[in-house]
Structures are given as structure tokens and as C-alpha cells.
N, C-alpha and C. Protein backbone atom coordinates (compact mmCIF):
# COMPACT_ATOMS: atom_id res chain seq x y z
N MET A 1 -7.34 5.65 7.26
CA MET A 1 -7.23 4.46 8.07
C MET A 1 -7.10 3.22 7.18
N LEU A 2 -7.77 3.24 6.04
CA LEU A 2 -7.65 2.11 5.12
C LEU A 2 -6.22 1.99 4.59
N THR A 3 -5.58 3.12 4.37
CA THR A 3 -4.19 3.10 3.89
C THR A 3 -3.30 2.42 4.92
N LEU A 4 -3.47 2.75 6.18
CA LEU A 4 -2.66 2.13 7.23
C LEU A 4 -2.98 0.64 7.34
N GLY A 5 -4.24 0.30 7.30
CA GLY A 5 -4.63 -1.10 7.36
C GLY A 5 -4.04 -1.91 6.22
N PHE A 6 -4.04 -1.33 5.03
CA PHE A 6 -3.49 -2.01 3.86
C PHE A 6 -1.97 -2.18 3.96
N TYR A 7 -1.26 -1.10 4.15
CA TYR A 7 0.20 -1.16 4.13
C TYR A 7 0.79 -1.96 5.29
N PHE A 8 0.19 -1.85 6.47
CA PHE A 8 0.74 -2.54 7.63
C PHE A 8 0.08 -3.90 7.89
N LEU A 9 -0.84 -4.31 7.00
CA LEU A 9 -1.53 -5.59 7.12
C LEU A 9 -2.18 -5.73 8.51
N LEU A 10 -2.93 -4.71 8.88
CA LEU A 10 -3.53 -4.66 10.21
C LEU A 10 -4.87 -5.39 10.26
N ARG A 11 -5.20 -5.83 11.45
CA ARG A 11 -6.53 -6.38 11.71
C ARG A 11 -7.48 -5.21 11.91
N PRO A 12 -8.77 -5.39 11.62
CA PRO A 12 -9.71 -4.26 11.74
C PRO A 12 -9.66 -3.55 13.09
N GLY A 13 -9.56 -4.26 14.18
CA GLY A 13 -9.54 -3.65 15.50
C GLY A 13 -8.27 -2.87 15.80
N GLU A 14 -7.28 -2.96 14.93
CA GLU A 14 -6.04 -2.22 15.13
C GLU A 14 -6.08 -0.84 14.48
N TYR A 15 -6.97 -0.67 13.48
CA TYR A 15 -7.02 0.62 12.79
C TYR A 15 -8.43 1.21 12.73
N ALA A 16 -9.42 0.53 13.29
CA ALA A 16 -10.79 1.04 13.29
C ALA A 16 -11.48 0.60 14.58
N GLN A 17 -12.48 1.37 14.97
CA GLN A 17 -13.25 1.00 16.16
C GLN A 17 -14.09 -0.23 15.81
N THR A 18 -14.11 -1.17 16.71
CA THR A 18 -14.86 -2.39 16.51
C THR A 18 -15.55 -2.80 17.81
N THR A 19 -16.49 -3.71 17.70
CA THR A 19 -17.18 -4.20 18.90
C THR A 19 -16.40 -5.30 19.59
N ASN A 20 -15.29 -5.75 19.01
CA ASN A 20 -14.48 -6.81 19.61
C ASN A 20 -13.77 -6.27 20.85
N PRO A 21 -14.10 -6.80 22.03
CA PRO A 21 -13.49 -6.29 23.26
C PRO A 21 -12.00 -6.61 23.38
N GLU A 22 -11.50 -7.53 22.58
CA GLU A 22 -10.08 -7.90 22.64
C GLU A 22 -9.21 -7.11 21.66
N SER A 23 -9.83 -6.22 20.91
CA SER A 23 -9.04 -5.45 19.94
C SER A 23 -8.16 -4.44 20.67
N THR A 24 -7.01 -4.16 20.08
CA THR A 24 -6.06 -3.20 20.64
C THR A 24 -5.67 -2.22 19.53
N PRO A 25 -6.34 -1.08 19.47
CA PRO A 25 -6.04 -0.14 18.39
C PRO A 25 -4.70 0.57 18.59
N PHE A 26 -4.08 0.91 17.48
CA PHE A 26 -2.88 1.73 17.55
C PHE A 26 -3.28 3.13 17.99
N ARG A 27 -2.40 3.75 18.78
CA ARG A 27 -2.63 5.08 19.33
C ARG A 27 -1.61 6.06 18.76
N MET A 28 -1.87 7.31 18.95
CA MET A 28 -0.95 8.33 18.43
C MET A 28 0.46 8.11 19.00
N GLN A 29 0.57 7.69 20.23
CA GLN A 29 1.89 7.48 20.84
C GLN A 29 2.61 6.27 20.27
N ASP A 30 1.93 5.42 19.51
CA ASP A 30 2.54 4.23 18.92
C ASP A 30 3.21 4.52 17.58
N ILE A 31 3.09 5.75 17.09
CA ILE A 31 3.71 6.12 15.82
C ILE A 31 5.11 6.66 16.08
N HIS A 32 6.04 6.29 15.21
CA HIS A 32 7.41 6.82 15.24
C HIS A 32 7.72 7.32 13.83
N LEU A 33 8.08 8.58 13.71
CA LEU A 33 8.44 9.16 12.42
C LEU A 33 9.93 9.45 12.37
N GLN A 34 10.50 9.27 11.18
CA GLN A 34 11.90 9.59 10.98
C GLN A 34 12.05 10.50 9.77
N ALA A 35 12.98 11.43 9.88
CA ALA A 35 13.35 12.33 8.79
C ALA A 35 14.86 12.41 8.76
N SER A 36 15.44 12.18 7.63
CA SER A 36 16.90 12.20 7.47
C SER A 36 17.59 11.29 8.49
N GLY A 37 16.99 10.15 8.77
CA GLY A 37 17.59 9.18 9.68
C GLY A 37 17.45 9.50 11.15
N HIS A 38 16.75 10.59 11.48
CA HIS A 38 16.56 10.98 12.88
C HIS A 38 15.09 10.91 13.25
N ARG A 39 14.84 10.50 14.47
CA ARG A 39 13.46 10.39 14.94
C ARG A 39 12.90 11.77 15.24
N LEU A 40 11.66 11.98 14.80
CA LEU A 40 10.95 13.22 15.09
C LEU A 40 10.07 13.03 16.32
N ASN A 41 10.01 14.01 17.16
CA ASN A 41 9.07 13.96 18.27
C ASN A 41 7.74 14.49 17.73
N HIS A 42 6.95 13.60 17.17
CA HIS A 42 5.72 13.99 16.48
C HIS A 42 4.65 14.55 17.41
N LEU A 43 4.82 14.38 18.70
CA LEU A 43 3.85 14.92 19.65
C LEU A 43 4.10 16.39 19.96
N GLN A 44 5.32 16.88 19.67
CA GLN A 44 5.66 18.25 20.05
C GLN A 44 6.31 19.08 18.95
N CYS A 45 6.82 18.47 17.90
CA CYS A 45 7.52 19.25 16.87
C CYS A 45 6.54 20.15 16.12
N ARG A 46 7.08 21.11 15.41
CA ARG A 46 6.24 22.00 14.60
C ARG A 46 5.60 21.20 13.46
N TYR A 47 4.41 21.63 13.06
CA TYR A 47 3.66 20.89 12.03
C TYR A 47 4.47 20.70 10.75
N HIS A 48 5.18 21.73 10.31
CA HIS A 48 5.93 21.61 9.05
C HIS A 48 7.03 20.55 9.14
N MET A 49 7.52 20.28 10.34
CA MET A 49 8.53 19.23 10.51
C MET A 49 7.94 17.85 10.24
N LEU A 50 6.67 17.66 10.53
CA LEU A 50 6.02 16.38 10.27
C LEU A 50 6.11 16.03 8.78
N ASP A 51 5.97 17.03 7.92
CA ASP A 51 6.00 16.80 6.48
C ASP A 51 7.36 16.34 5.97
N SER A 52 8.40 16.52 6.77
CA SER A 52 9.74 16.09 6.34
C SER A 52 9.98 14.60 6.58
N ALA A 53 9.05 13.93 7.25
CA ALA A 53 9.22 12.50 7.55
C ALA A 53 9.25 11.67 6.27
N THR A 54 10.16 10.71 6.25
CA THR A 54 10.28 9.81 5.10
C THR A 54 10.07 8.36 5.49
N PHE A 55 9.92 8.10 6.78
CA PHE A 55 9.78 6.73 7.27
C PHE A 55 8.86 6.74 8.48
N VAL A 56 8.02 5.74 8.59
CA VAL A 56 7.11 5.62 9.73
C VAL A 56 7.17 4.22 10.30
N CYS A 57 7.10 4.14 11.61
CA CYS A 57 7.03 2.84 12.30
C CYS A 57 5.81 2.85 13.21
N LEU A 58 5.19 1.69 13.35
CA LEU A 58 4.17 1.50 14.36
C LEU A 58 4.77 0.60 15.42
N GLU A 59 4.58 0.99 16.67
CA GLU A 59 5.11 0.21 17.79
C GLU A 59 4.07 -0.80 18.25
N LEU A 60 4.46 -2.05 18.24
CA LEU A 60 3.56 -3.11 18.68
C LEU A 60 3.47 -3.11 20.20
N THR A 61 2.26 -3.14 20.71
CA THR A 61 2.07 -3.27 22.15
C THR A 61 1.44 -4.63 22.40
N LYS A 62 0.19 -4.79 22.01
CA LYS A 62 -0.48 -6.07 22.17
C LYS A 62 -0.95 -6.61 20.82
N GLN A 63 -0.63 -5.92 19.74
CA GLN A 63 -1.11 -6.28 18.42
C GLN A 63 -0.42 -7.52 17.87
N LYS A 64 -1.17 -8.28 17.10
CA LYS A 64 -0.66 -9.39 16.30
C LYS A 64 0.24 -10.36 17.05
N ASN A 65 0.05 -10.51 18.31
CA ASN A 65 0.90 -11.39 19.11
C ASN A 65 2.37 -11.05 18.95
N GLY A 66 2.65 -9.78 18.66
CA GLY A 66 4.02 -9.34 18.42
C GLY A 66 4.80 -9.19 19.71
N ILE A 67 6.06 -8.97 19.56
CA ILE A 67 6.94 -8.73 20.70
C ILE A 67 6.70 -7.30 21.17
N ARG A 68 6.37 -7.14 22.43
CA ARG A 68 6.07 -5.82 22.97
C ARG A 68 7.23 -4.86 22.71
N GLY A 69 6.91 -3.71 22.12
CA GLY A 69 7.92 -2.71 21.83
C GLY A 69 8.57 -2.85 20.46
N GLU A 70 8.25 -3.93 19.74
CA GLU A 70 8.82 -4.13 18.40
C GLU A 70 8.24 -3.08 17.45
N LEU A 71 9.07 -2.60 16.53
CA LEU A 71 8.64 -1.60 15.56
C LEU A 71 8.55 -2.24 14.18
N ILE A 72 7.46 -1.92 13.46
CA ILE A 72 7.35 -2.32 12.06
C ILE A 72 7.28 -1.03 11.26
N GLY A 73 8.10 -0.92 10.23
CA GLY A 73 8.21 0.35 9.54
C GLY A 73 8.12 0.27 8.04
N LEU A 74 7.77 1.41 7.45
CA LEU A 74 7.64 1.57 6.01
C LEU A 74 8.10 2.96 5.60
N GLY A 75 8.61 3.05 4.37
CA GLY A 75 8.98 4.34 3.82
C GLY A 75 7.85 4.90 2.98
N ARG A 76 8.09 6.05 2.41
CA ARG A 76 7.09 6.68 1.53
C ARG A 76 6.87 5.81 0.30
N SER A 77 5.64 5.76 -0.16
CA SER A 77 5.28 4.94 -1.31
C SER A 77 5.56 5.65 -2.63
N GLY A 78 5.66 6.95 -2.60
CA GLY A 78 5.82 7.72 -3.83
C GLY A 78 4.49 8.20 -4.39
N ASN A 79 3.39 7.73 -3.80
CA ASN A 79 2.06 8.14 -4.22
C ASN A 79 1.49 9.08 -3.15
N PRO A 80 1.24 10.34 -3.47
CA PRO A 80 0.78 11.29 -2.45
C PRO A 80 -0.58 10.94 -1.85
N ALA A 81 -1.40 10.19 -2.57
CA ALA A 81 -2.74 9.86 -2.07
C ALA A 81 -2.80 8.52 -1.36
N PHE A 82 -1.77 7.70 -1.51
CA PHE A 82 -1.81 6.34 -0.94
C PHE A 82 -0.43 5.99 -0.40
N CYS A 83 -0.07 6.60 0.72
CA CYS A 83 1.26 6.48 1.29
C CYS A 83 1.14 6.27 2.80
N PRO A 84 1.80 5.25 3.35
CA PRO A 84 1.68 5.02 4.79
C PRO A 84 2.27 6.15 5.64
N VAL A 85 3.34 6.75 5.15
CA VAL A 85 3.96 7.86 5.91
C VAL A 85 3.00 9.05 5.93
N GLN A 86 2.48 9.41 4.76
CA GLN A 86 1.57 10.56 4.69
C GLN A 86 0.28 10.30 5.46
N ALA A 87 -0.22 9.08 5.44
CA ALA A 87 -1.43 8.74 6.19
C ALA A 87 -1.21 8.96 7.69
N CYS A 88 -0.05 8.56 8.19
CA CYS A 88 0.25 8.78 9.62
C CYS A 88 0.42 10.25 9.93
N ILE A 89 1.09 10.98 9.05
CA ILE A 89 1.26 12.42 9.25
C ILE A 89 -0.11 13.10 9.30
N ASN A 90 -1.00 12.73 8.39
CA ASN A 90 -2.34 13.33 8.38
C ASN A 90 -3.10 13.04 9.67
N ARG A 91 -2.98 11.82 10.18
CA ARG A 91 -3.64 11.47 11.44
C ARG A 91 -3.06 12.28 12.59
N ILE A 92 -1.74 12.37 12.65
CA ILE A 92 -1.09 13.13 13.72
C ILE A 92 -1.52 14.59 13.69
N LYS A 93 -1.50 15.18 12.51
CA LYS A 93 -1.89 16.59 12.39
C LYS A 93 -3.32 16.81 12.88
N HIS A 94 -4.22 15.94 12.47
CA HIS A 94 -5.61 16.09 12.90
C HIS A 94 -5.73 15.94 14.42
N LEU A 95 -5.14 14.92 14.96
CA LEU A 95 -5.24 14.67 16.40
C LEU A 95 -4.60 15.80 17.21
N ARG A 96 -3.45 16.27 16.76
CA ARG A 96 -2.80 17.37 17.47
C ARG A 96 -3.60 18.66 17.37
N LEU A 97 -4.19 18.91 16.21
CA LEU A 97 -4.98 20.13 16.01
C LEU A 97 -6.08 20.25 17.06
N PHE A 98 -6.64 19.11 17.46
CA PHE A 98 -7.73 19.11 18.43
C PHE A 98 -7.27 18.66 19.82
N HIS A 99 -5.95 18.78 20.07
CA HIS A 99 -5.36 18.56 21.39
C HIS A 99 -5.64 17.16 21.97
N ALA A 100 -5.59 16.16 21.12
CA ALA A 100 -5.79 14.79 21.59
C ALA A 100 -4.59 14.35 22.42
N PRO A 101 -4.82 13.64 23.50
CA PRO A 101 -3.69 13.12 24.29
C PRO A 101 -3.00 11.98 23.55
N PRO A 102 -1.76 11.67 23.91
CA PRO A 102 -0.99 10.64 23.20
C PRO A 102 -1.66 9.27 23.13
N HIS A 103 -2.50 8.93 24.11
CA HIS A 103 -3.13 7.61 24.12
C HIS A 103 -4.38 7.53 23.23
N THR A 104 -4.67 8.60 22.48
CA THR A 104 -5.85 8.61 21.60
C THR A 104 -5.66 7.61 20.46
N PRO A 105 -6.67 6.76 20.22
CA PRO A 105 -6.58 5.83 19.09
C PRO A 105 -6.48 6.58 17.76
N LEU A 106 -5.76 6.00 16.82
CA LEU A 106 -5.60 6.65 15.52
C LEU A 106 -6.92 6.82 14.79
N PHE A 107 -7.91 6.00 15.10
CA PHE A 107 -9.20 6.09 14.42
C PHE A 107 -10.09 7.22 14.93
N ALA A 108 -9.66 7.96 15.95
CA ALA A 108 -10.46 9.06 16.48
C ALA A 108 -10.39 10.26 15.55
N PHE A 109 -11.50 10.99 15.46
CA PHE A 109 -11.49 12.24 14.71
C PHE A 109 -12.48 13.20 15.34
N PHE A 110 -12.25 14.48 15.08
CA PHE A 110 -13.06 15.52 15.70
C PHE A 110 -13.76 16.33 14.63
N THR A 111 -15.06 16.53 14.82
CA THR A 111 -15.82 17.48 14.00
C THR A 111 -16.31 18.55 14.96
N THR A 112 -17.46 18.32 15.57
CA THR A 112 -17.91 19.18 16.67
C THR A 112 -17.81 18.42 17.99
N GLU A 113 -17.48 17.14 17.89
CA GLU A 113 -17.25 16.27 19.04
C GLU A 113 -16.33 15.13 18.58
N TRP A 114 -15.77 14.40 19.54
CA TRP A 114 -14.91 13.28 19.20
C TRP A 114 -15.76 12.10 18.73
N LEU A 115 -15.38 11.55 17.58
CA LEU A 115 -16.04 10.39 16.99
C LEU A 115 -14.98 9.36 16.64
N ALA A 116 -15.42 8.23 16.10
CA ALA A 116 -14.48 7.17 15.75
C ALA A 116 -14.79 6.62 14.37
N ILE A 117 -13.74 6.32 13.63
CA ILE A 117 -13.87 5.63 12.36
C ILE A 117 -14.05 4.15 12.70
N SER A 118 -15.20 3.62 12.36
CA SER A 118 -15.50 2.23 12.73
C SER A 118 -15.33 1.30 11.53
N THR A 119 -15.32 0.02 11.81
CA THR A 119 -15.26 -0.96 10.72
C THR A 119 -16.50 -0.85 9.84
N THR A 120 -17.63 -0.51 10.41
CA THR A 120 -18.86 -0.33 9.63
C THR A 120 -18.71 0.83 8.65
N ILE A 121 -18.17 1.94 9.12
CA ILE A 121 -17.96 3.12 8.24
C ILE A 121 -17.00 2.75 7.11
N LEU A 122 -15.91 2.09 7.45
CA LEU A 122 -14.93 1.75 6.41
C LEU A 122 -15.51 0.78 5.38
N THR A 123 -16.29 -0.18 5.82
CA THR A 123 -16.92 -1.12 4.90
C THR A 123 -17.88 -0.38 3.98
N HIS A 124 -18.63 0.56 4.53
CA HIS A 124 -19.55 1.36 3.72
C HIS A 124 -18.78 2.18 2.68
N GLU A 125 -17.67 2.78 3.08
CA GLU A 125 -16.88 3.60 2.16
C GLU A 125 -16.27 2.76 1.04
N LEU A 126 -15.87 1.54 1.36
CA LEU A 126 -15.32 0.66 0.32
C LEU A 126 -16.39 0.29 -0.69
């Protein structure tokens, strides 16, 4: 989540759970992946197809006072540990593995129950 926050210059409530009631987190359905210039249906394609993505976009809904439906995108960074495309792929794989619906926030994760990556957790990790 920190990788996405860094690369996309996100506000904490866009990539982590926060107590701010006005925050609008990005959801799995807000991600758009492209491979070889074609959009991947990341909600239904085979897992190995996700790894072929070379470009990722986040769709603005209510974030950053942006234009609804506007896409902001980035390509692979070249660093396997710190790449916006790979970070999104990893989130999608995890969420799909546990059958999360498309409206699930990107900060959700499953261990034995659904939990959330919060701003407090991220601050502690930093």
C-alpha cells in the first residue's frame, strides 16, 4: 500500500483505512491493467495473465477532486520490490484469492478474517 501511495501521490484515506469519514479509498474495481496495449479484465482473467501487465491505471471516482472516471496511470518501475504495477497485481491476486467483491478497498486483506491496512499500521511499519 505504501508503494501505491508513493507512486500515485495518494492521500492516506485513498490507500489505507482511516478514521476520516470523508475519505474515499480506491477499490479493486478502480484498477485498470494493460498488457501489450490491451486492457486486462483483472477481475476474471487467469492469474498468470495478471503478471503480463506492464501498465496500471487508477480510476478516480471521488479522489483528489478529480474528474469522475479520469484515469491516472504508471508503467513498471523496473524494480521488482518497488513497482506500482506489481503492487497492484499483488493486491488483486490477494483479493481474488479470497473471493473479494469488486468494491473491496485495496487496503483489505485476509488472514483468518477480513482486516484492513490502516494509517496507524503503515506509520508503525515506516
